[in-house]
Amino acid sequence: MALAAERVQRATDLEIPHINRRWAGLRSFVADRSPVIGPDPDLPGFFWLAGQGGFGIMTAPGASRAAAELIVKGSLPDEIRATGLTAAQLSPGRTALGPREV
C-alpha cells in the first residue's frame, strides 16, 4: 500500500497523507481448489465466477473469456476446450465443491 501511495503521489498532484484502511479483497476457495464458472443449478439467472483463490489477476483473462462464452453461447471457447478443460469441471453444480448450504 505504501508503495502504491508513493507512486500515485509521484505521478500526480494528489497528496496521500495517511492510509486509514486497506483491503486486498476476498480469496475464495472450494474443496477441489478449481475456479467456479457457470450458471447456478439452483438459482436461475445467477452466474458464478468465483474460487480463483488468490490467483484472480493471473486467471482473469481466461476466466472472463470462459464466463463470457458460457453466458453467450453456453460452451467454453475452442482454445480453452482444446486444453481438455470442460464446462462441467468448472460448473458450480460439480460434486467436488462439497456440501452446499442455502
PDB file of N, CA and C in Angstrom:
ATOM      1  N   MET A   1       0.814  -1.185   0.000  1.00  0.00           N
ATOM      2  CA  MET A   1       0.000   0.000   0.000  1.00  0.00           C
ATOM      3  C   MET A   1       0.864   1.258   0.000  1.00  0.00           C
ATOM      4  N   ALA A   2       1.895   1.256   0.799  1.00  0.00           N
ATOM      5  CA  ALA A   2       2.765   2.433   0.873  1.00  0.00           C
ATOM      6  C   ALA A   2       3.427   2.698  -0.473  1.00  0.00           C
ATOM      7  N   LEU A   3       3.848   1.641  -1.151  1.00  0.00           N
ATOM      8  CA  LEU A   3       4.476   1.797  -2.456  1.00  0.00           C
ATOM      9  C   LEU A   3       3.486   2.368  -3.469  1.00  0.00           C
ATOM     10  N   ALA A   4       2.251   1.870  -3.433  1.00  0.00           N
ATOM     11  CA  ALA A   4       1.231   2.391  -4.346  1.00  0.00           C
ATOM     12  C   ALA A   4       0.970   3.867  -4.066  1.00  0.00           C
ATOM     13  N   ALA A   5       0.858   4.254  -2.802  1.00  0.00           N
ATOM     14  CA  ALA A   5       0.636   5.655  -2.437  1.00  0.00           C
ATOM     15  C   ALA A   5       1.787   6.528  -2.912  1.00  0.00           C
ATOM     16  N   GLU A   6       3.012   6.048  -2.713  1.00  0.00           N
ATOM     17  CA  GLU A   6       4.187   6.810  -3.149  1.00  0.00           C
ATOM     18  C   GLU A   6       4.167   7.021  -4.663  1.00  0.00           C
ATOM     19  N   ARG A   7       3.833   5.976  -5.423  1.00  0.00           N
ATOM     20  CA  ARG A   7       3.811   6.096  -6.880  1.00  0.00           C
ATOM     21  C   ARG A   7       2.702   7.022  -7.366  1.00  0.00           C
ATOM     22  N   VAL A   8       1.550   6.976  -6.705  1.00  0.00           N
ATOM     23  CA  VAL A   8       0.459   7.883  -7.074  1.00  0.00           C
ATOM     24  C   VAL A   8       0.886   9.322  -6.830  1.00  0.00           C
ATOM     25  N   GLN A   9       1.502   9.581  -5.685  1.00  0.00           N
ATOM     26  CA  GLN A   9       1.949  10.940  -5.369  1.00  0.00           C
ATOM     27  C   GLN A   9       3.004  11.432  -6.350  1.00  0.00           C
ATOM     28  N   ARG A  10       3.894  10.524  -6.761  1.00  0.00           N
ATOM     29  CA  ARG A  10       4.947  10.893  -7.707  1.00  0.00           C
ATOM     30  C   ARG A  10       4.373  11.192  -9.097  1.00  0.00           C
ATOM     31  N   ALA A  11       3.348  10.470  -9.492  1.00  0.00           N
ATOM     32  CA  ALA A  11       2.805  10.594 -10.845  1.00  0.00           C
ATOM     33  C   ALA A  11       1.695  11.639 -10.964  1.00  0.00           C
ATOM     34  N   THR A  12       1.182  12.112  -9.825  1.00  0.00           N
ATOM     35  CA  THR A  12       0.064  13.064  -9.860  1.00  0.00           C
ATOM     36  C   THR A  12       0.309  14.206  -8.881  1.00  0.00           C
ATOM     37  N   ASP A  13      -0.669  15.080  -8.791  1.00  0.00           N
ATOM     38  CA  ASP A  13      -0.629  16.160  -7.804  1.00  0.00           C
ATOM     39  C   ASP A  13      -1.352  15.774  -6.518  1.00  0.00           C
ATOM     40  N   LEU A  14      -1.795  14.526  -6.419  1.00  0.00           N
ATOM     41  CA  LEU A  14      -2.527  14.088  -5.233  1.00  0.00           C
ATOM     42  C   LEU A  14      -1.591  13.948  -4.031  1.00  0.00           C
ATOM     43  N   GLU A  15      -2.084  14.350  -2.885  1.00  0.00           N
ATOM     44  CA  GLU A  15      -1.352  14.194  -1.638  1.00  0.00           C
ATOM     45  C   GLU A  15      -2.066  13.118  -0.824  1.00  0.00           C
ATOM     46  N   ILE A  16      -1.340  12.080  -0.453  1.00  0.00           N
ATOM     47  CA  ILE A  16      -1.916  10.998   0.351  1.00  0.00           C
ATOM     48  C   ILE A  16      -1.200  11.035   1.696  1.00  0.00           C
ATOM     49  N   PRO A  17      -1.771  11.760   2.670  1.00  0.00           N
ATOM     50  CA  PRO A  17      -1.076  11.942   3.948  1.00  0.00           C
ATOM     51  C   PRO A  17      -1.050  10.681   4.810  1.00  0.00           C
ATOM     52  N   HIS A  18      -2.116   9.865   4.769  1.00  0.00           N
ATOM     53  CA  HIS A  18      -2.182   8.699   5.637  1.00  0.00           C
ATOM     54  C   HIS A  18      -3.211   7.715   5.077  1.00  0.00           C
ATOM     55  N   ILE A  19      -2.865   6.455   5.077  1.00  0.00           N
ATOM     56  CA  ILE A  19      -3.806   5.421   4.627  1.00  0.00           C
ATOM     57  C   ILE A  19      -4.560   4.932   5.855  1.00  0.00           C
ATOM     58  N   ASN A  20      -5.880   5.189   5.880  1.00  0.00           N
ATOM     59  CA  ASN A  20      -6.687   4.829   7.046  1.00  0.00           C
ATOM     60  C   ASN A  20      -7.048   3.344   7.075  1.00  0.00           C
ATOM     61  N   ARG A  21      -7.381   2.800   5.908  1.00  0.00           N
ATOM     62  CA  ARG A  21      -7.797   1.398   5.831  1.00  0.00           C
ATOM     63  C   ARG A  21      -7.230   0.795   4.578  1.00  0.00           C
ATOM     64  N   ARG A  22      -7.116  -0.522   4.581  1.00  0.00           N
ATOM     65  CA  ARG A  22      -6.724  -1.222   3.366  1.00  0.00           C
ATOM     66  C   ARG A  22      -7.501  -2.527   3.300  1.00  0.00           C
ATOM     67  N   TRP A  23      -7.687  -2.999   2.091  1.00  0.00           N
ATOM     68  CA  TRP A  23      -8.406  -4.238   1.856  1.00  0.00           C
ATOM     69  C   TRP A  23      -7.873  -4.843   0.576  1.00  0.00           C
ATOM     70  N   ALA A  24      -7.480  -6.087   0.619  1.00  0.00           N
ATOM     71  CA  ALA A  24      -6.903  -6.739  -0.549  1.00  0.00           C
ATOM     72  C   ALA A  24      -7.917  -7.588  -1.296  1.00  0.00           C
ATOM     73  N   GLY A  25      -9.125  -7.704  -0.803  1.00  0.00           N
ATOM     74  CA  GLY A  25     -10.149  -8.488  -1.475  1.00  0.00           C
ATOM     75  C   GLY A  25     -10.285  -9.873  -0.863  1.00  0.00           C
ATOM     76  N   LEU A  26     -11.300 -10.566  -1.300  1.00  0.00           N
ATOM     77  CA  LEU A  26     -11.572 -11.904  -0.794  1.00  0.00           C
ATOM     78  C   LEU A  26     -10.770 -12.943  -1.561  1.00  0.00           C
ATOM     79  N   ARG A  27     -10.367 -13.979  -0.875  1.00  0.00           N
ATOM     80  CA  ARG A  27      -9.694 -15.112  -1.518  1.00  0.00           C
ATOM     81  C   ARG A  27     -10.613 -16.306  -1.331  1.00  0.00           C
ATOM     82  N   SER A  28     -11.424 -16.581  -2.323  1.00  0.00           N
ATOM     83  CA  SER A  28     -12.383 -17.672  -2.201  1.00  0.00           C
ATOM     84  C   SER A  28     -11.818 -18.971  -2.766  1.00  0.00           C
ATOM     85  N   PHE A  29     -12.099 -20.043  -2.066  1.00  0.00           N
ATOM     86  CA  PHE A  29     -11.654 -21.371  -2.463  1.00  0.00           C
ATOM     87  C   PHE A  29     -12.838 -22.327  -2.384  1.00  0.00           C
ATOM     88  N   VAL A  30     -12.782 -23.403  -3.133  1.00  0.00           N
ATOM     89  CA  VAL A  30     -13.727 -24.507  -2.985  1.00  0.00           C
ATOM     90  C   VAL A  30     -12.916 -25.770  -2.729  1.00  0.00           C
ATOM     91  N   ALA A  31     -13.598 -26.861  -2.403  1.00  0.00           N
ATOM     92  CA  ALA A  31     -12.914 -28.095  -1.979  1.00  0.00           C
ATOM     93  C   ALA A  31     -11.873 -28.585  -2.980  1.00  0.00           C
ATOM     94  N   ASP A  32     -12.156 -28.498  -4.283  1.00  0.00           N
ATOM     95  CA  ASP A  32     -11.202 -29.030  -5.267  1.00  0.00           C
ATOM     96  C   ASP A  32     -10.195 -27.986  -5.740  1.00  0.00           C
ATOM     97  N   ARG A  33     -10.255 -26.781  -5.165  1.00  0.00           N
ATOM     98  CA  ARG A  33      -9.318 -25.686  -5.447  1.00  0.00           C
ATOM     99  C   ARG A  33      -9.331 -25.210  -6.901  1.00  0.00           C
ATOM    100  N   SER A  34     -10.405 -25.470  -7.620  1.00  0.00           N
ATOM    101  CA  SER A  34     -10.556 -25.018  -9.016  1.00  0.00           C
ATOM    102  C   SER A  34     -11.570 -23.888  -9.073  1.00  0.00           C
ATOM    103  N   PRO A  35     -11.448 -23.000 -10.049  1.00  0.00           N
ATOM    104  CA  PRO A  35     -12.432 -21.921 -10.178  1.00  0.00           C
ATOM    105  C   PRO A  35     -13.848 -22.460 -10.394  1.00  0.00           C
ATOM    106  N   VAL A  36     -14.801 -21.660 -10.019  1.00  0.00           N
ATOM    107  CA  VAL A  36     -16.214 -21.971 -10.220  1.00  0.00           C
ATOM    108  C   VAL A  36     -16.721 -20.977 -11.257  1.00  0.00           C
ATOM    109  N   ILE A  37     -17.059 -21.496 -12.436  1.00  0.00           N
ATOM    110  CA  ILE A  37     -17.509 -20.628 -13.525  1.00  0.00           C
ATOM    111  C   ILE A  37     -18.692 -21.301 -14.197  1.00  0.00           C
ATOM    112  N   GLY A  38     -19.864 -20.685 -14.085  1.00  0.00           N
ATOM    113  CA  GLY A  38     -21.029 -21.241 -14.749  1.00  0.00           C
ATOM    114  C   GLY A  38     -22.322 -20.861 -14.063  1.00  0.00           C
ATOM    115  N   PRO A  39     -23.442 -21.232 -14.681  1.00  0.00           N
ATOM    116  CA  PRO A  39     -24.746 -20.911 -14.104  1.00  0.00           C
ATOM    117  C   PRO A  39     -25.025 -21.762 -12.867  1.00  0.00           C
ATOM    118  N   ASP A  40     -25.650 -21.156 -11.880  1.00  0.00           N
ATOM    119  CA  ASP A  40     -26.011 -21.884 -10.668  1.00  0.00           C
ATOM    120  C   ASP A  40     -27.141 -22.851 -10.994  1.00  0.00           C
ATOM    121  N   PRO A  41     -27.010 -24.129 -10.620  1.00  0.00           N
ATOM    122  CA  PRO A  41     -28.050 -25.095 -10.958  1.00  0.00           C
ATOM    123  C   PRO A  41     -29.351 -24.892 -10.180  1.00  0.00           C
ATOM    124  N   ASP A  42     -29.297 -24.168  -9.066  1.00  0.00           N
ATOM    125  CA  ASP A  42     -30.474 -23.981  -8.228  1.00  0.00           C
ATOM    126  C   ASP A  42     -31.060 -22.571  -8.279  1.00  0.00           C
ATOM    127  N   LEU A  43     -30.340 -21.625  -8.844  1.00  0.00           N
ATOM    128  CA  LEU A  43     -30.803 -20.237  -8.885  1.00  0.00           C
ATOM    129  C   LEU A  43     -30.801 -19.737 -10.333  1.00  0.00           C
ATOM    130  N   PRO A  44     -31.892 -19.893 -11.039  1.00  0.00           N
ATOM    131  CA  PRO A  44     -31.946 -19.451 -12.438  1.00  0.00           C
ATOM    132  C   PRO A  44     -31.548 -17.980 -12.569  1.00  0.00           C
ATOM    133  N   GLY A  45     -30.689 -17.693 -13.542  1.00  0.00           N
ATOM    134  CA  GLY A  45     -30.251 -16.330 -13.795  1.00  0.00           C
ATOM    135  C   GLY A  45     -29.021 -15.910 -13.009  1.00  0.00           C
ATOM    136  N   PHE A  46     -28.551 -16.769 -12.083  1.00  0.00           N
ATOM    137  CA  PHE A  46     -27.359 -16.429 -11.304  1.00  0.00           C
ATOM    138  C   PHE A  46     -26.169 -17.155 -11.903  1.00  0.00           C
ATOM    139  N   PHE A  47     -25.107 -16.407 -12.206  1.00  0.00           N
ATOM    140  CA  PHE A  47     -23.913 -16.964 -12.833  1.00  0.00           C
ATOM    141  C   PHE A  47     -22.725 -16.788 -11.890  1.00  0.00           C
ATOM    142  N   TRP A  48     -21.991 -17.869 -11.659  1.00  0.00           N
ATOM    143  CA  TRP A  48     -20.837 -17.850 -10.770  1.00  0.00           C
ATOM    144  C   TRP A  48     -19.539 -17.582 -11.530  1.00  0.00           C
ATOM    145  N   LEU A  49     -18.701 -16.745 -10.962  1.00  0.00           N
ATOM    146  CA  LEU A  49     -17.319 -16.558 -11.415  1.00  0.00           C
ATOM    147  C   LEU A  49     -16.533 -16.287 -10.137  1.00  0.00           C
ATOM    148  N   ALA A  50     -16.116 -17.374  -9.482  1.00  0.00           N
ATOM    149  CA  ALA A  50     -15.501 -17.273  -8.158  1.00  0.00           C
ATOM    150  C   ALA A  50     -14.489 -18.396  -7.983  1.00  0.00           C
ATOM    151  N   GLY A  51     -13.882 -18.434  -6.818  1.00  0.00           N
ATOM    152  CA  GLY A  51     -12.998 -19.528  -6.462  1.00  0.00           C
ATOM    153  C   GLY A  51     -11.610 -19.468  -7.072  1.00  0.00           C
ATOM    154  N   GLN A  52     -11.142 -18.276  -7.440  1.00  0.00           N
ATOM    155  CA  GLN A  52      -9.797 -18.185  -8.002  1.00  0.00           C
ATOM    156  C   GLN A  52      -8.725 -18.324  -6.924  1.00  0.00           C
ATOM    157  N   GLY A  53      -9.093 -18.209  -5.669  1.00  0.00           N
ATOM    158  CA  GLY A  53      -8.196 -18.497  -4.565  1.00  0.00           C
ATOM    159  C   GLY A  53      -6.862 -17.780  -4.571  1.00  0.00           C
ATOM    160  N   GLY A  54      -6.849 -16.500  -4.802  1.00  0.00           N
ATOM    161  CA  GLY A  54      -5.594 -15.759  -4.797  1.00  0.00           C
ATOM    162  C   GLY A  54      -4.903 -15.694  -6.142  1.00  0.00           C
ATOM    163  N   PHE A  55      -5.488 -16.330  -7.156  1.00  0.00           N
ATOM    164  CA  PHE A  55      -4.902 -16.301  -8.495  1.00  0.00           C
ATOM    165  C   PHE A  55      -5.787 -15.517  -9.462  1.00  0.00           C
ATOM    166  N   GLY A  56      -6.643 -14.663  -8.933  1.00  0.00           N
ATOM    167  CA  GLY A  56      -7.604 -13.930  -9.747  1.00  0.00           C
ATOM    168  C   GLY A  56      -6.987 -13.081 -10.837  1.00  0.00           C
ATOM    169  N   ILE A  57      -5.929 -12.358 -10.522  1.00  0.00           N
ATOM    170  CA  ILE A  57      -5.308 -11.499 -11.537  1.00  0.00           C
ATOM    171  C   ILE A  57      -4.679 -12.342 -12.632  1.00  0.00           C
ATOM    172  N   MET A  58      -4.052 -13.447 -12.248  1.00  0.00           N
ATOM    173  CA  MET A  58      -3.406 -14.301 -13.251  1.00  0.00           C
ATOM    174  C   MET A  58      -4.413 -15.066 -14.098  1.00  0.00           C
ATOM    175  N   THR A  59      -5.556 -15.439 -13.507  1.00  0.00           N
ATOM    176  CA  THR A  59      -6.541 -16.228 -14.251  1.00  0.00           C
ATOM    177  C   THR A  59      -7.628 -15.384 -14.892  1.00  0.00           C
ATOM    178  N   ALA A  60      -7.658 -14.082 -14.615  1.00  0.00           N
ATOM    179  CA  ALA A  60      -8.733 -13.219 -15.099  1.00  0.00           C
ATOM    180  C   ALA A  60      -8.952 -13.267 -16.608  1.00  0.00           C
ATOM    181  N   PRO A  61      -7.922 -13.207 -17.433  1.00  0.00           N
ATOM    182  CA  PRO A  61      -8.181 -13.232 -18.878  1.00  0.00           C
ATOM    183  C   PRO A  61      -8.898 -14.510 -19.337  1.00  0.00           C
ATOM    184  N   GLY A  62      -8.422 -15.660 -18.898  1.00  0.00           N
ATOM    185  CA  GLY A  62      -9.046 -16.919 -19.304  1.00  0.00           C
ATOM    186  C   GLY A  62     -10.393 -17.131 -18.647  1.00  0.00           C
ATOM    187  N   ALA A  63     -10.494 -16.784 -17.365  1.00  0.00           N
ATOM    188  CA  ALA A  63     -11.752 -16.971 -16.646  1.00  0.00           C
ATOM    189  C   ALA A  63     -12.846 -16.072 -17.214  1.00  0.00           C
ATOM    190  N   SER A  64     -12.498 -14.835 -17.529  1.00  0.00           N
ATOM    191  CA  SER A  64     -13.511 -13.929 -18.084  1.00  0.00           C
ATOM    192  C   SER A  64     -13.925 -14.351 -19.487  1.00  0.00           C
ATOM    193  N   ARG A  65     -12.982 -14.855 -20.256  1.00  0.00           N
ATOM    194  CA  ARG A  65     -13.305 -15.369 -21.605  1.00  0.00           C
ATOM    195  C   ARG A  65     -14.213 -16.586 -21.495  1.00  0.00           C
ATOM    196  N   ALA A  66     -13.900 -17.488 -20.549  1.00  0.00           N
ATOM    197  CA  ALA A  66     -14.744 -18.667 -20.325  1.00  0.00           C
ATOM    198  C   ALA A  66     -16.147 -18.242 -19.901  1.00  0.00           C
ATOM    199  N   ALA A  67     -16.223 -17.302 -18.967  1.00  0.00           N
ATOM    200  CA  ALA A  67     -17.528 -16.837 -18.486  1.00  0.00           C
ATOM    201  C   ALA A  67     -18.337 -16.202 -19.612  1.00  0.00           C
ATOM    202  N   ALA A  68     -17.711 -15.346 -20.397  1.00  0.00           N
ATOM    203  CA  ALA A  68     -18.422 -14.671 -21.490  1.00  0.00           C
ATOM    204  C   ALA A  68     -18.997 -15.671 -22.484  1.00  0.00           C
ATOM    205  N   GLU A  69     -18.188 -16.650 -22.874  1.00  0.00           N
ATOM    206  CA  GLU A  69     -18.659 -17.646 -23.849  1.00  0.00           C
ATOM    207  C   GLU A  69     -19.752 -18.534 -23.254  1.00  0.00           C
ATOM    208  N   LEU A  70     -19.615 -18.886 -21.978  1.00  0.00           N
ATOM    209  CA  LEU A  70     -20.646 -19.700 -21.335  1.00  0.00           C
ATOM    210  C   LEU A  70     -21.964 -18.937 -21.263  1.00  0.00           C
ATOM    211  N   ILE A  71     -21.889 -17.649 -20.975  1.00  0.00           N
ATOM    212  CA  ILE A  71     -23.105 -16.836 -20.890  1.00  0.00           C
ATOM    213  C   ILE A  71     -23.737 -16.661 -22.266  1.00  0.00           C
ATOM    214  N   VAL A  72     -22.928 -16.330 -23.262  1.00  0.00           N
ATOM    215  CA  VAL A  72     -23.452 -16.021 -24.596  1.00  0.00           C
ATOM    216  C   VAL A  72     -23.776 -17.267 -25.409  1.00  0.00           C
ATOM    217  N   LYS A  73     -22.871 -18.251 -25.397  1.00  0.00           N
ATOM    218  CA  LYS A  73     -23.033 -19.412 -26.273  1.00  0.00           C
ATOM    219  C   LYS A  73     -23.347 -20.719 -25.553  1.00  0.00           C
ATOM    220  N   GLY A  74     -23.147 -20.746 -24.230  1.00  0.00           N
ATOM    221  CA  GLY A  74     -23.411 -21.960 -23.475  1.00  0.00           C
ATOM    222  C   GLY A  74     -22.291 -22.978 -23.521  1.00  0.00           C
ATOM    223  N   SER A  75     -21.135 -22.597 -24.049  1.00  0.00           N
ATOM    224  CA  SER A  75     -19.992 -23.514 -24.108  1.00  0.00           C
ATOM    225  C   SER A  75     -18.701 -22.728 -23.921  1.00  0.00           C
ATOM    226  N   LEU A  76     -17.643 -23.455 -23.601  1.00  0.00           N
ATOM    227  CA  LEU A  76     -16.337 -22.814 -23.453  1.00  0.00           C
ATOM    228  C   LEU A  76     -15.762 -22.459 -24.821  1.00  0.00           C
ATOM    229  N   PRO A  77     -14.896 -21.447 -24.890  1.00  0.00           N
ATOM    230  CA  PRO A  77     -14.223 -21.124 -26.150  1.00  0.00           C
ATOM    231  C   PRO A  77     -13.384 -22.306 -26.634  1.00  0.00           C
ATOM    232  N   ASP A  78     -13.218 -22.419 -27.937  1.00  0.00           N
ATOM    233  CA  ASP A  78     -12.457 -23.521 -28.532  1.00  0.00           C
ATOM    234  C   ASP A  78     -11.064 -23.646 -27.935  1.00  0.00           C
ATOM    235  N   GLU A  79     -10.359 -22.515 -27.750  1.00  0.00           N
ATOM    236  CA  GLU A  79      -8.985 -22.594 -27.251  1.00  0.00           C
ATOM    237  C   GLU A  79      -8.918 -23.116 -25.817  1.00  0.00           C
ATOM    238  N   ILE A  80      -9.959 -22.897 -25.036  1.00  0.00           N
ATOM    239  CA  ILE A  80      -9.981 -23.436 -23.676  1.00  0.00           C
ATOM    240  C   ILE A  80     -10.347 -24.921 -23.709  1.00  0.00           C
ATOM    241  N   ARG A  81     -11.325 -25.281 -24.531  1.00  0.00           N
ATOM    242  CA  ARG A  81     -11.683 -26.702 -24.669  1.00  0.00           C
ATOM    243  C   ARG A  81     -10.509 -27.510 -25.214  1.00  0.00           C
ATOM    244  N   ALA A  82      -9.680 -26.904 -26.043  1.00  0.00           N
ATOM    245  CA  ALA A  82      -8.527 -27.600 -26.624  1.00  0.00           C
ATOM    246  C   ALA A  82      -7.516 -28.027 -25.555  1.00  0.00           C
ATOM    247  N   THR A  83      -7.556 -27.390 -24.390  1.00  0.00           N
ATOM    248  CA  THR A  83      -6.661 -27.776 -23.297  1.00  0.00           C
ATOM    249  C   THR A  83      -7.170 -28.996 -22.543  1.00  0.00           C
ATOM    250  N   GLY A  84      -8.404 -29.412 -22.856  1.00  0.00           N
ATOM    251  CA  GLY A  84      -9.008 -30.549 -22.173  1.00  0.00           C
ATOM    252  C   GLY A  84      -9.959 -30.158 -21.060  1.00  0.00           C
ATOM    253  N   LEU A  85     -10.068 -28.870 -20.776  1.00  0.00           N
ATOM    254  CA  LEU A  85     -10.965 -28.387 -19.738  1.00  0.00           C
ATOM    255  C   LEU A  85     -12.396 -28.414 -20.250  1.00  0.00           C
ATOM    256  N   THR A  86     -13.320 -28.825 -19.397  1.00  0.00           N
ATOM    257  CA  THR A  86     -14.733 -28.864 -19.782  1.00  0.00           C
ATOM    258  C   THR A  86     -15.539 -27.919 -18.904  1.00  0.00           C
ATOM    259  N   ALA A  87     -16.694 -27.528 -19.397  1.00  0.00           N
ATOM    260  CA  ALA A  87     -17.592 -26.678 -18.621  1.00  0.00           C
ATOM    261  C   ALA A  87     -18.030 -27.396 -17.348  1.00  0.00           C
ATOM    262  N   ALA A  88     -18.179 -28.720 -17.402  1.00  0.00           N
ATOM    263  CA  ALA A  88     -18.582 -29.489 -16.226  1.00  0.00           C
ATOM    264  C   ALA A  88     -17.541 -29.403 -15.113  1.00  0.00           C
ATOM    265  N   GLN A  89     -16.265 -29.314 -15.477  1.00  0.00           N
ATOM    266  CA  GLN A  89     -15.199 -29.213 -14.476  1.00  0.00           C
ATOM    267  C   GLN A  89     -15.219 -27.869 -13.755  1.00  0.00           C
ATOM    268  N   LEU A  90     -15.778 -26.856 -14.370  1.00  0.00           N
ATOM    269  CA  LEU A  90     -15.864 -25.529 -13.768  1.00  0.00           C
ATOM    270  C   LEU A  90     -17.220 -25.255 -13.135  1.00  0.00           C
ATOM    271  N   SER A  91     -18.202 -26.044 -13.455  1.00  0.00           N
ATOM    272  CA  SER A  91     -19.587 -25.813 -13.070  1.00  0.00           C
ATOM    273  C   SER A  91     -19.791 -25.722 -11.557  1.00  0.00           C
ATOM    274  N   PRO A  92     -20.623 -24.793 -11.103  1.00  0.00           N
ATOM    275  CA  PRO A  92     -20.942 -24.732  -9.676  1.00  0.00           C
ATOM    276  C   PRO A  92     -21.765 -25.944  -9.232  1.00  0.00           C
ATOM    277  N   GLY A  93     -22.259 -26.745 -10.155  1.00  0.00           N
ATOM    278  CA  GLY A  93     -23.022 -27.937  -9.801  1.00  0.00           C
ATOM    279  C   GLY A  93     -22.163 -29.176  -9.626  1.00  0.00           C
ATOM    280  N   ARG A  94     -20.850 -29.076  -9.815  1.00  0.00           N
ATOM    281  CA  ARG A  94     -19.999 -30.265  -9.704  1.00  0.00           C
ATOM    282  C   ARG A  94     -19.942 -30.746  -8.258  1.00  0.00           C
ATOM    283  N   THR A  95     -19.802 -32.030  -8.077  1.00  0.00           N
ATOM    284  CA  THR A  95     -19.833 -32.616  -6.737  1.00  0.00           C
ATOM    285  C   THR A  95     -18.577 -32.328  -5.934  1.00  0.00           C
ATOM    286  N   ALA A  96     -17.467 -31.972  -6.581  1.00  0.00           N
ATOM    287  CA  ALA A  96     -16.214 -31.720  -5.864  1.00  0.00           C
ATOM    288  C   ALA A  96     -16.262 -30.453  -5.018  1.00  0.00           C
ATOM    289  N   LEU A  97     -17.327 -29.670  -5.152  1.00  0.00           N
ATOM    290  CA  LEU A  97     -17.424 -28.442  -4.369  1.00  0.00           C
ATOM    291  C   LEU A  97     -17.683 -28.741  -2.896  1.00  0.00           C
ATOM    292  N   GLY A  98     -18.214 -29.896  -2.610  1.00  0.00           N
ATOM    293  CA  GLY A  98     -18.559 -30.219  -1.231  1.00  0.00           C
ATOM    294  C   GLY A  98     -20.007 -29.868  -0.952  1.00  0.00           C
ATOM    295  N   PRO A  99     -20.440 -29.989   0.303  1.00  0.00           N
ATOM    296  CA  PRO A  99     -21.849 -29.737   0.630  1.00  0.00           C
ATOM    297  C   PRO A  99     -22.226 -28.287   0.380  1.00  0.00           C
ATOM    298  N   ARG A 100     -23.440 -28.095  -0.099  1.00  0.00           N
ATOM    299  CA  ARG A 100     -23.943 -26.740  -0.346  1.00  0.00           C
ATOM    300  C   ARG A 100     -24.875 -26.332   0.768  1.00  0.00           C
ATOM    301  N   GLU A 101     -24.747 -25.105   1.201  1.00  0.00           N
ATOM    302  CA  GLU A 101     -25.662 -24.546   2.180  1.00  0.00           C
ATOM    303  C   GLU A 101     -26.397 -23.404   1.546  1.00  0.00           C
ATOM    304  N   VAL A 102     -27.696 -23.393   1.705  1.00  0.00           N
ATOM    305  CA  VAL A 102     -28.500 -22.312   1.122  1.00  0.00           C
ATOM    306  C   VAL A 102     -29.108 -21.486   2.209  1.00  0.00           C
TER     307      VAL A 102
END
